PDB file of N, CA and C in Angstrom:
ATOM      1  N   MET A   1      28.381  17.522 -42.878  1.00  0.00           N
ATOM      2  CA  MET A   1      28.417  16.289 -42.107  1.00  0.00           C
ATOM      3  C   MET A   1      27.265  16.239 -41.104  1.00  0.00           C
ATOM      4  N   LYS A   2      27.042  17.365 -40.393  1.00  0.00           N
ATOM      5  CA  LYS A   2      25.953  17.400 -39.415  1.00  0.00           C
ATOM      6  C   LYS A   2      24.608  17.194 -40.082  1.00  0.00           C
ATOM      7  N   ALA A   3      24.439  17.795 -41.255  1.00  0.00           N
ATOM      8  CA  ALA A   3      23.174  17.647 -41.976  1.00  0.00           C
ATOM      9  C   ALA A   3      22.964  16.194 -42.390  1.00  0.00           C
ATOM     10  N   ALA A   4      24.025  15.506 -42.773  1.00  0.00           N
ATOM     11  CA  ALA A   4      23.914  14.101 -43.166  1.00  0.00           C
ATOM     12  C   ALA A   4      23.498  13.235 -41.981  1.00  0.00           C
ATOM     13  N   VAL A   5      24.051  13.503 -40.814  1.00  0.00           N
ATOM     14  CA  VAL A   5      23.689  12.752 -39.606  1.00  0.00           C
ATOM     15  C   VAL A   5      22.223  12.982 -39.274  1.00  0.00           C
ATOM     16  N   LEU A   6      21.779  14.243 -39.371  1.00  0.00           N
ATOM     17  CA  LEU A   6      20.383  14.557 -39.093  1.00  0.00           C
ATOM     18  C   LEU A   6      19.459  13.848 -40.078  1.00  0.00           C
ATOM     19  N   VAL A   7      19.827  13.811 -41.346  1.00  0.00           N
ATOM     20  CA  VAL A   7      19.016  13.135 -42.349  1.00  0.00           C
ATOM     21  C   VAL A   7      18.927  11.641 -42.043  1.00  0.00           C
ATOM     22  N   VAL A   8      20.023  11.026 -41.642  1.00  0.00           N
ATOM     23  CA  VAL A   8      20.020   9.599 -41.314  1.00  0.00           C
ATOM     24  C   VAL A   8      19.126   9.327 -40.109  1.00  0.00           C
ATOM     25  N   VAL A   9      19.234  10.148 -39.069  1.00  0.00           N
ATOM     26  CA  VAL A   9      18.417   9.950 -37.866  1.00  0.00           C
ATOM     27  C   VAL A   9      16.937  10.139 -38.189  1.00  0.00           C
ATOM     28  N   LEU A  10      16.601  11.217 -38.901  1.00  0.00           N
ATOM     29  CA  LEU A  10      15.198  11.442 -39.255  1.00  0.00           C
ATOM     30  C   LEU A  10      14.666  10.356 -40.178  1.00  0.00           C
ATOM     31  N   SER A  11      15.512   9.823 -41.062  1.00  0.00           N
ATOM     32  CA  SER A  11      15.097   8.719 -41.933  1.00  0.00           C
ATOM     33  C   SER A  11      14.814   7.463 -41.117  1.00  0.00           C
ATOM     34  N   ALA A  12      15.671   7.175 -40.140  1.00  0.00           N
ATOM     35  CA  ALA A  12      15.457   6.012 -39.282  1.00  0.00           C
ATOM     36  C   ALA A  12      14.156   6.146 -38.502  1.00  0.00           C
ATOM     37  N   ILE A  13      13.881   7.361 -38.019  1.00  0.00           N
ATOM     38  CA  ILE A  13      12.635   7.594 -37.286  1.00  0.00           C
ATOM     39  C   ILE A  13      11.439   7.402 -38.214  1.00  0.00           C
ATOM     40  N   ALA A  14      11.516   7.975 -39.403  1.00  0.00           N
ATOM     41  CA  ALA A  14      10.411   7.855 -40.359  1.00  0.00           C
ATOM     42  C   ALA A  14      10.152   6.399 -40.725  1.00  0.00           C
ATOM     43  N   LEU A  15      11.217   5.636 -40.956  1.00  0.00           N
ATOM     44  CA  LEU A  15      11.053   4.227 -41.295  1.00  0.00           C
ATOM     45  C   LEU A  15      10.480   3.422 -40.134  1.00  0.00           C
ATOM     46  N   SER A  16      10.924   3.716 -38.912  1.00  0.00           N
ATOM     47  CA  SER A  16      10.387   2.984 -37.769  1.00  0.00           C
ATOM     48  C   SER A  16       8.923   3.315 -37.554  1.00  0.00           C
ATOM     49  N   CYS A  17       8.510   4.534 -37.915  1.00  0.00           N
ATOM     50  CA  CYS A  17       7.101   4.899 -37.811  1.00  0.00           C
ATOM     51  C   CYS A  17       6.275   4.257 -38.928  1.00  0.00           C
ATOM     52  N   ALA A  18       6.849   4.196 -40.120  1.00  0.00           N
ATOM     53  CA  ALA A  18       6.127   3.670 -41.270  1.00  0.00           C
ATOM     54  C   ALA A  18       6.004   2.148 -41.242  1.00  0.00           C
ATOM     55  N   PHE A  19       7.029   1.462 -40.732  1.00  0.00           N
ATOM     56  CA  PHE A  19       7.035  -0.001 -40.707  1.00  0.00           C
ATOM     57  C   PHE A  19       7.296  -0.521 -39.299  1.00  0.00           C
ATOM     58  N   PRO A  20       6.360  -0.300 -38.360  1.00  0.00           N
ATOM     59  CA  PRO A  20       6.593  -0.752 -36.991  1.00  0.00           C
ATOM     60  C   PRO A  20       6.477  -2.268 -36.877  1.00  0.00           C
ATOM     61  N   SER A  21       7.142  -2.801 -35.896  1.00  0.00           N
ATOM     62  CA  SER A  21       7.003  -4.212 -35.573  1.00  0.00           C
ATOM     63  C   SER A  21       5.595  -4.432 -35.026  1.00  0.00           C
ATOM     64  N   PRO A  22       4.946  -5.540 -35.338  1.00  0.00           N
ATOM     65  CA  PRO A  22       3.598  -5.777 -34.801  1.00  0.00           C
ATOM     66  C   PRO A  22       3.560  -5.782 -33.277  1.00  0.00           C
ATOM     67  N   LYS A  23       4.695  -6.123 -32.646  1.00  0.00           N
ATOM     68  CA  LYS A  23       4.738  -6.202 -31.189  1.00  0.00           C
ATOM     69  C   LYS A  23       4.710  -4.839 -30.520  1.00  0.00           C
ATOM     70  N   ASP A  24       5.192  -3.811 -31.184  1.00  0.00           N
ATOM     71  CA  ASP A  24       5.360  -2.537 -30.481  1.00  0.00           C
ATOM     72  C   ASP A  24       4.648  -1.370 -31.171  1.00  0.00           C
ATOM     73  N   LYS A  25       3.373  -1.534 -31.459  1.00  0.00           N
ATOM     74  CA  LYS A  25       2.639  -0.450 -32.104  1.00  0.00           C
ATOM     75  C   LYS A  25       2.543   0.784 -31.219  1.00  0.00           C
ATOM     76  N   GLU A  26       2.607   0.622 -29.909  1.00  0.00           N
ATOM     77  CA  GLU A  26       2.543   1.771 -29.015  1.00  0.00           C
ATOM     78  C   GLU A  26       3.836   2.586 -29.028  1.00  0.00           C
ATOM     79  N   ASP A  27       4.913   2.048 -29.574  1.00  0.00           N
ATOM     80  CA  ASP A  27       6.211   2.712 -29.599  1.00  0.00           C
ATOM     81  C   ASP A  27       6.551   3.254 -30.983  1.00  0.00           C
ATOM     82  N   ARG A  28       5.591   3.674 -31.746  1.00  0.00           N
ATOM     83  CA  ARG A  28       5.840   4.060 -33.133  1.00  0.00           C
ATOM     84  C   ARG A  28       6.609   5.363 -33.264  1.00  0.00           C
ATOM     85  N   GLY A  29       6.487   6.270 -32.316  1.00  0.00           N
ATOM     86  CA  GLY A  29       7.146   7.560 -32.444  1.00  0.00           C
ATOM     87  C   GLY A  29       6.304   8.496 -33.277  1.00  0.00           C
ATOM     88  N   GLY A  30       6.922   9.537 -33.790  1.00  0.00           N
ATOM     89  CA  GLY A  30       6.155  10.467 -34.595  1.00  0.00           C
ATOM     90  C   GLY A  30       7.002  11.586 -35.163  1.00  0.00           C
ATOM     91  N   VAL A  31       6.386  12.344 -36.045  1.00  0.00           N
ATOM     92  CA  VAL A  31       7.019  13.495 -36.661  1.00  0.00           C
ATOM     93  C   VAL A  31       6.050  14.666 -36.528  1.00  0.00           C
ATOM     94  N   ASP A  32       6.555  15.812 -36.074  1.00  0.00           N
ATOM     95  CA  ASP A  32       5.763  17.023 -35.931  1.00  0.00           C
ATOM     96  C   ASP A  32       6.322  18.104 -36.838  1.00  0.00           C
ATOM     97  N   VAL A  33       5.434  18.803 -37.518  1.00  0.00           N
ATOM     98  CA  VAL A  33       5.826  19.924 -38.374  1.00  0.00           C
ATOM     99  C   VAL A  33       5.094  21.163 -37.867  1.00  0.00           C
ATOM    100  N   ASP A  34       5.830  22.270 -37.733  1.00  0.00           N
ATOM    101  CA  ASP A  34       5.248  23.505 -37.218  1.00  0.00           C
ATOM    102  C   ASP A  34       5.676  24.668 -38.106  1.00  0.00           C
ATOM    103  N   VAL A  35       4.704  25.439 -38.546  1.00  0.00           N
ATOM    104  CA  VAL A  35       4.975  26.656 -39.314  1.00  0.00           C
ATOM    105  C   VAL A  35       4.155  27.766 -38.675  1.00  0.00           C
ATOM    106  N   HIS A  36       4.820  28.808 -38.211  1.00  0.00           N
ATOM    107  CA  HIS A  36       4.103  29.935 -37.620  1.00  0.00           C
ATOM    108  C   HIS A  36       4.880  31.226 -37.823  1.00  0.00           C
ATOM    109  N   ARG A  37       4.183  32.327 -37.695  1.00  0.00           N
ATOM    110  CA  ARG A  37       4.784  33.646 -37.874  1.00  0.00           C
ATOM    111  C   ARG A  37       4.898  34.310 -36.516  1.00  0.00           C
ATOM    112  N   GLU A  38       6.103  34.794 -36.195  1.00  0.00           N
ATOM    113  CA  GLU A  38       6.341  35.506 -34.942  1.00  0.00           C
ATOM    114  C   GLU A  38       6.657  36.960 -35.262  1.00  0.00           C
ATOM    115  N   LYS A  39       5.955  37.867 -34.601  1.00  0.00           N
ATOM    116  CA  LYS A  39       6.171  39.287 -34.820  1.00  0.00           C
ATOM    117  C   LYS A  39       7.592  39.655 -34.405  1.00  0.00           C
ATOM    118  N   GLY A  40       8.300  40.351 -35.276  1.00  0.00           N
ATOM    119  CA  GLY A  40       9.666  40.759 -34.992  1.00  0.00           C
ATOM    120  C   GLY A  40      10.707  39.682 -35.234  1.00  0.00           C
ATOM    121  N   VAL A  41      10.281  38.497 -35.660  1.00  0.00           N
ATOM    122  CA  VAL A  41      11.209  37.388 -35.907  1.00  0.00           C
ATOM    123  C   VAL A  41      11.139  36.958 -37.374  1.00  0.00           C
ATOM    124  N   GLY A  42       9.954  36.541 -37.803  1.00  0.00           N
ATOM    125  CA  GLY A  42       9.755  36.059 -39.163  1.00  0.00           C
ATOM    126  C   GLY A  42       8.905  34.809 -39.165  1.00  0.00           C
ATOM    127  N   THR A  43       8.918  34.105 -40.269  1.00  0.00           N
ATOM    128  CA  THR A  43       8.185  32.852 -40.388  1.00  0.00           C
ATOM    129  C   THR A  43       9.095  31.713 -39.930  1.00  0.00           C
ATOM    130  N   VAL A  44       8.650  31.016 -38.909  1.00  0.00           N
ATOM    131  CA  VAL A  44       9.443  29.938 -38.315  1.00  0.00           C
ATOM    132  C   VAL A  44       8.914  28.595 -38.825  1.00  0.00           C
ATOM    133  N   VAL A  45       9.798  27.805 -39.412  1.00  0.00           N
ATOM    134  CA  VAL A  45       9.454  26.469 -39.904  1.00  0.00           C
ATOM    135  C   VAL A  45      10.288  25.480 -39.099  1.00  0.00           C
ATOM    136  N   GLY A  46       9.622  24.486 -38.507  1.00  0.00           N
ATOM    137  CA  GLY A  46      10.339  23.508 -37.699  1.00  0.00           C
ATOM    138  C   GLY A  46       9.802  22.103 -37.893  1.00  0.00           C
ATOM    139  N   VAL A  47      10.692  21.128 -37.769  1.00  0.00           N
ATOM    140  CA  VAL A  47      10.336  19.715 -37.862  1.00  0.00           C
ATOM    141  C   VAL A  47      11.017  18.992 -36.718  1.00  0.00           C
ATOM    142  N   GLN A  48      10.257  18.148 -36.006  1.00  0.00           N
ATOM    143  CA  GLN A  48      10.814  17.311 -34.942  1.00  0.00           C
ATOM    144  C   GLN A  48      10.358  15.883 -35.168  1.00  0.00           C
ATOM    145  N   GLY A  49      11.220  14.947 -34.889  1.00  0.00           N
ATOM    146  CA  GLY A  49      10.866  13.542 -35.016  1.00  0.00           C
ATOM    147  C   GLY A  49      11.495  12.729 -33.906  1.00  0.00           C
ATOM    148  N   GLN A  50      10.778  11.710 -33.464  1.00  0.00           N
ATOM    149  CA  GLN A  50      11.304  10.808 -32.447  1.00  0.00           C
ATOM    150  C   GLN A  50      10.675   9.438 -32.662  1.00  0.00           C
ATOM    151  N   GLY A  51      11.411   8.412 -32.268  1.00  0.00           N
ATOM    152  CA  GLY A  51      10.878   7.077 -32.416  1.00  0.00           C
ATOM    153  C   GLY A  51      11.834   6.010 -31.938  1.00  0.00           C
ATOM    154  N   ASN A  52      11.285   4.828 -31.786  1.00  0.00           N
ATOM    155  CA  ASN A  52      12.066   3.673 -31.370  1.00  0.00           C
ATOM    156  C   ASN A  52      12.711   3.054 -32.597  1.00  0.00           C
ATOM    157  N   VAL A  53      14.031   2.881 -32.541  1.00  0.00           N
ATOM    158  CA  VAL A  53      14.769   2.307 -33.662  1.00  0.00           C
ATOM    159  C   VAL A  53      14.936   0.800 -33.480  1.00  0.00           C
ATOM    160  N   TRP A  54      15.149   0.369 -32.246  1.00  0.00           N
ATOM    161  CA  TRP A  54      15.340  -1.053 -31.968  1.00  0.00           C
ATOM    162  C   TRP A  54      14.868  -1.357 -30.563  1.00  0.00           C
ATOM    163  N   LYS A  55      14.316  -2.553 -30.362  1.00  0.00           N
ATOM    164  CA  LYS A  55      13.852  -3.001 -29.050  1.00  0.00           C
ATOM    165  C   LYS A  55      14.169  -4.479 -28.926  1.00  0.00           C
ATOM    166  N   SER A  56      14.737  -4.870 -27.792  1.00  0.00           N
ATOM    167  CA  SER A  56      15.094  -6.277 -27.592  1.00  0.00           C
ATOM    168  C   SER A  56      13.835  -7.135 -27.488  1.00  0.00           C
ATOM    169  N   GLY A  57      14.014  -8.427 -27.618  1.00  0.00           N
ATOM    170  CA  GLY A  57      12.900  -9.364 -27.561  1.00  0.00           C
ATOM    171  C   GLY A  57      12.119  -9.302 -26.260  1.00  0.00           C
ATOM    172  N   ASP A  58      12.820  -9.107 -25.139  1.00  0.00           N
ATOM    173  CA  ASP A  58      12.123  -9.039 -23.852  1.00  0.00           C
ATOM    174  C   ASP A  58      11.637  -7.630 -23.530  1.00  0.00           C
ATOM    175  N   GLY A  59      11.954  -6.663 -24.377  1.00  0.00           N
ATOM    176  CA  GLY A  59      11.471  -5.295 -24.204  1.00  0.00           C
ATOM    177  C   GLY A  59      12.210  -4.470 -23.172  1.00  0.00           C
ATOM    178  N   ARG A  60      13.265  -5.007 -22.578  1.00  0.00           N
ATOM    179  CA  ARG A  60      13.975  -4.268 -21.519  1.00  0.00           C
ATOM    180  C   ARG A  60      15.068  -3.358 -22.055  1.00  0.00           C
ATOM    181  N   THR A  61      15.594  -3.648 -23.235  1.00  0.00           N
ATOM    182  CA  THR A  61      16.648  -2.817 -23.820  1.00  0.00           C
ATOM    183  C   THR A  61      16.106  -2.215 -25.110  1.00  0.00           C
ATOM    184  N   ARG A  62      16.352  -0.924 -25.290  1.00  0.00           N
ATOM    185  CA  ARG A  62      15.849  -0.257 -26.484  1.00  0.00           C
ATOM    186  C   ARG A  62      16.767   0.868 -26.926  1.00  0.00           C
ATOM    187  N   VAL A  63      16.693   1.209 -28.203  1.00  0.00           N
ATOM    188  CA  VAL A  63      17.421   2.335 -28.773  1.00  0.00           C
ATOM    189  C   VAL A  63      16.379   3.269 -29.389  1.00  0.00           C
ATOM    190  N   ASP A  64      16.397   4.514 -28.955  1.00  0.00           N
ATOM    191  CA  ASP A  64      15.486   5.531 -29.469  1.00  0.00           C
ATOM    192  C   ASP A  64      16.296   6.630 -30.144  1.00  0.00           C
ATOM    193  N   ALA A  65      15.714   7.267 -31.140  1.00  0.00           N
ATOM    194  CA  ALA A  65      16.388   8.348 -31.848  1.00  0.00           C
ATOM    195  C   ALA A  65      15.451   9.550 -31.938  1.00  0.00           C
ATOM    196  N   ASP A  66      16.054  10.730 -31.973  1.00  0.00           N
ATOM    197  CA  ASP A  66      15.264  11.937 -32.154  1.00  0.00           C
ATOM    198  C   ASP A  66      16.073  12.955 -32.943  1.00  0.00           C
ATOM    199  N   GLY A  67      15.376  13.859 -33.573  1.00  0.00           N
ATOM    200  CA  GLY A  67      16.039  14.899 -34.350  1.00  0.00           C
ATOM    201  C   GLY A  67      15.120  16.084 -34.539  1.00  0.00           C
ATOM    202  N   SER A  68      15.706  17.239 -34.778  1.00  0.00           N
ATOM    203  CA  SER A  68      14.910  18.431 -35.031  1.00  0.00           C
ATOM    204  C   SER A  68      15.639  19.347 -36.000  1.00  0.00           C
ATOM    205  N   TRP A  69      14.856  20.165 -36.706  1.00  0.00           N
ATOM    206  CA  TRP A  69      15.377  21.130 -37.660  1.00  0.00           C
ATOM    207  C   TRP A  69      14.476  22.353 -37.586  1.00  0.00           C
ATOM    208  N   GLN A  70      15.074  23.538 -37.583  1.00  0.00           N
ATOM    209  CA  GLN A  70      14.292  24.769 -37.534  1.00  0.00           C
ATOM    210  C   GLN A  70      14.987  25.864 -38.325  1.00  0.00           C
ATOM    211  N   ARG A  71      14.187  26.673 -39.014  1.00  0.00           N
ATOM    212  CA  ARG A  71      14.743  27.787 -39.777  1.00  0.00           C
ATOM    213  C   ARG A  71      13.731  28.924 -39.813  1.00  0.00           C
ATOM    214  N   VAL A  72      14.240  30.145 -39.757  1.00  0.00           N
ATOM    215  CA  VAL A  72      13.399  31.339 -39.846  1.00  0.00           C
ATOM    216  C   VAL A  72      13.547  31.918 -41.251  1.00  0.00           C
ATOM    217  N   TYR A  73      12.408  32.186 -41.883  1.00  0.00           N
ATOM    218  CA  TYR A  73      12.371  32.777 -43.212  1.00  0.00           C
ATOM    219  C   TYR A  73      11.712  34.155 -43.141  1.00  0.00           C
ATOM    220  N   ARG A  74      12.070  35.042 -44.054  1.00  0.00           N
ATOM    221  CA  ARG A  74      11.427  36.332 -44.255  1.00  0.00           C
ATOM    222  C   ARG A  74      11.225  37.133 -42.983  1.00  0.00           C
ATOM    223  N   GLY A  75      12.291  37.499 -42.355  1.00  0.00           N
ATOM    224  CA  GLY A  75      12.186  38.344 -41.174  1.00  0.00           C
ATOM    225  C   GLY A  75      13.549  38.727 -40.659  1.00  0.00           C
ATOM    226  N   PRO A  76      13.578  39.527 -39.587  1.00  0.00           N
ATOM    227  CA  PRO A  76      14.849  39.972 -39.036  1.00  0.00           C
ATOM    228  C   PRO A  76      15.741  38.832 -38.527  1.00  0.00           C
ATOM    229  N   ALA A  77      15.145  37.728 -38.124  1.00  0.00           N
ATOM    230  CA  ALA A  77      15.927  36.609 -37.586  1.00  0.00           C
ATOM    231  C   ALA A  77      16.219  35.541 -38.641  1.00  0.00           C
ATOM    232  N   ALA A  78      15.920  35.833 -39.903  1.00  0.00           N
ATOM    233  CA  ALA A  78      16.151  34.849 -40.970  1.00  0.00           C
ATOM    234  C   ALA A  78      17.638  34.512 -41.052  1.00  0.00           C
ATOM    235  N   GLY A  79      17.905  33.264 -41.344  1.00  0.00           N
ATOM    236  CA  GLY A  79      19.304  32.857 -41.436  1.00  0.00           C
ATOM    237  C   GLY A  79      19.455  31.367 -41.635  1.00  0.00           C
ATOM    238  N   LYS A  80      20.563  30.876 -41.157  1.00  0.00           N
ATOM    239  CA  LYS A  80      20.889  29.459 -41.323  1.00  0.00           C
ATOM    240  C   LYS A  80      19.983  28.604 -40.434  1.00  0.00           C
ATOM    241  N   PRO A  81      19.756  27.366 -40.854  1.00  0.00           N
ATOM    242  CA  PRO A  81      18.930  26.474 -40.039  1.00  0.00           C
ATOM    243  C   PRO A  81      19.664  26.006 -38.781  1.00  0.00           C
ATOM    244  N   LYS A  82      18.871  25.665 -37.772  1.00  0.00           N
ATOM    245  CA  LYS A  82      19.387  25.055 -36.547  1.00  0.00           C
ATOM    246  C   LYS A  82      18.889  23.616 -36.544  1.00  0.00           C
ATOM    247  N   TYR A  83      19.755  22.690 -36.190  1.00  0.00           N
ATOM    248  CA  TYR A  83      19.340  21.297 -36.163  1.00  0.00           C
ATOM    249  C   TYR A  83      20.056  20.552 -35.053  1.00  0.00           C
ATOM    250  N   SER A  84      19.443  19.456 -34.637  1.00  0.00           N
ATOM    251  CA  SER A  84      20.040  18.600 -33.613  1.00  0.00           C
ATOM    252  C   SER A  84      19.558  17.174 -33.828  1.00  0.00           C
ATOM    253  N   ALA A  85      20.308  16.229 -33.311  1.00  0.00           N
ATOM    254  CA  ALA A  85      19.947  14.817 -33.411  1.00  0.00           C
ATOM    255  C   ALA A  85      20.526  14.090 -32.210  1.00  0.00           C
ATOM    256  N   GLY A  86      19.874  13.027 -31.823  1.00  0.00           N
ATOM    257  CA  GLY A  86      20.362  12.262 -30.691  1.00  0.00           C
ATOM    258  C   GLY A  86      19.925  10.813 -30.755  1.00  0.00           C
ATOM    259  N   VAL A  87      20.668   9.973 -30.094  1.00  0.00           N
ATOM    260  CA  VAL A  87      20.347   8.551 -29.975  1.00  0.00           C
ATOM    261  C   VAL A  87      20.457   8.195 -28.502  1.00  0.00           C
ATOM    262  N   ARG A  88      19.467   7.464 -27.987  1.00  0.00           N
ATOM    263  CA  ARG A  88      19.447   7.101 -26.571  1.00  0.00           C
ATOM    264  C   ARG A  88      19.343   5.580 -26.440  1.00  0.00           C
ATOM    265  N   LEU A  89      20.217   5.007 -25.646  1.00  0.00           N
ATOM    266  CA  LEU A  89      20.186   3.577 -25.318  1.00  0.00           C
ATOM    267  C   LEU A  89      19.713   3.462 -23.891  1.00  0.00           C
ATOM    268  N   SER A  90      18.696   2.644 -23.654  1.00  0.00           N
ATOM    269  CA  SER A  90      18.214   2.462 -22.286  1.00  0.00           C
ATOM    270  C   SER A  90      17.987   0.982 -21.998  1.00  0.00           C
ATOM    271  N   HIS A  91      18.129   0.636 -20.737  1.00  0.00           N
ATOM    272  CA  HIS A  91      17.922  -0.742 -20.281  1.00  0.00           C
ATOM    273  C   HIS A  91      17.256  -0.714 -18.909  1.00  0.00           C
ATOM    274  N   ARG A  92      16.217  -1.511 -18.756  1.00  0.00           N
ATOM    275  CA  ARG A  92      15.535  -1.640 -17.456  1.00  0.00           C
ATOM    276  C   ARG A  92      16.017  -2.907 -16.771  1.00  0.00           C
ATOM    277  N   TRP A  93      16.410  -2.796 -15.549  1.00  0.00           N
ATOM    278  CA  TRP A  93      16.922  -3.946 -14.794  1.00  0.00           C
ATOM    279  C   TRP A  93      15.813  -4.723 -14.158  1.00  0.00           C
TER     280      TRP A  93
END
């Protein structure tokens, strides 16, 4: 269930980045991928994404989403992936 929620959030972020509204090109968000090797840990693979999912016409109310996934391969810390996702609603008065 958690993995499905993360996939939905990351998909929403990817779509908002791929098809932004012409009005809000500065709010496109992004996706970061990181692969590095840590001594005594293993190979760490991580993905983070964030972006604006919805913005009101006047720009004062918005919904943003973010998500991350990380897993260690081939090392002492290798194991199950860690993931998180969130949705933020904000309004400026």
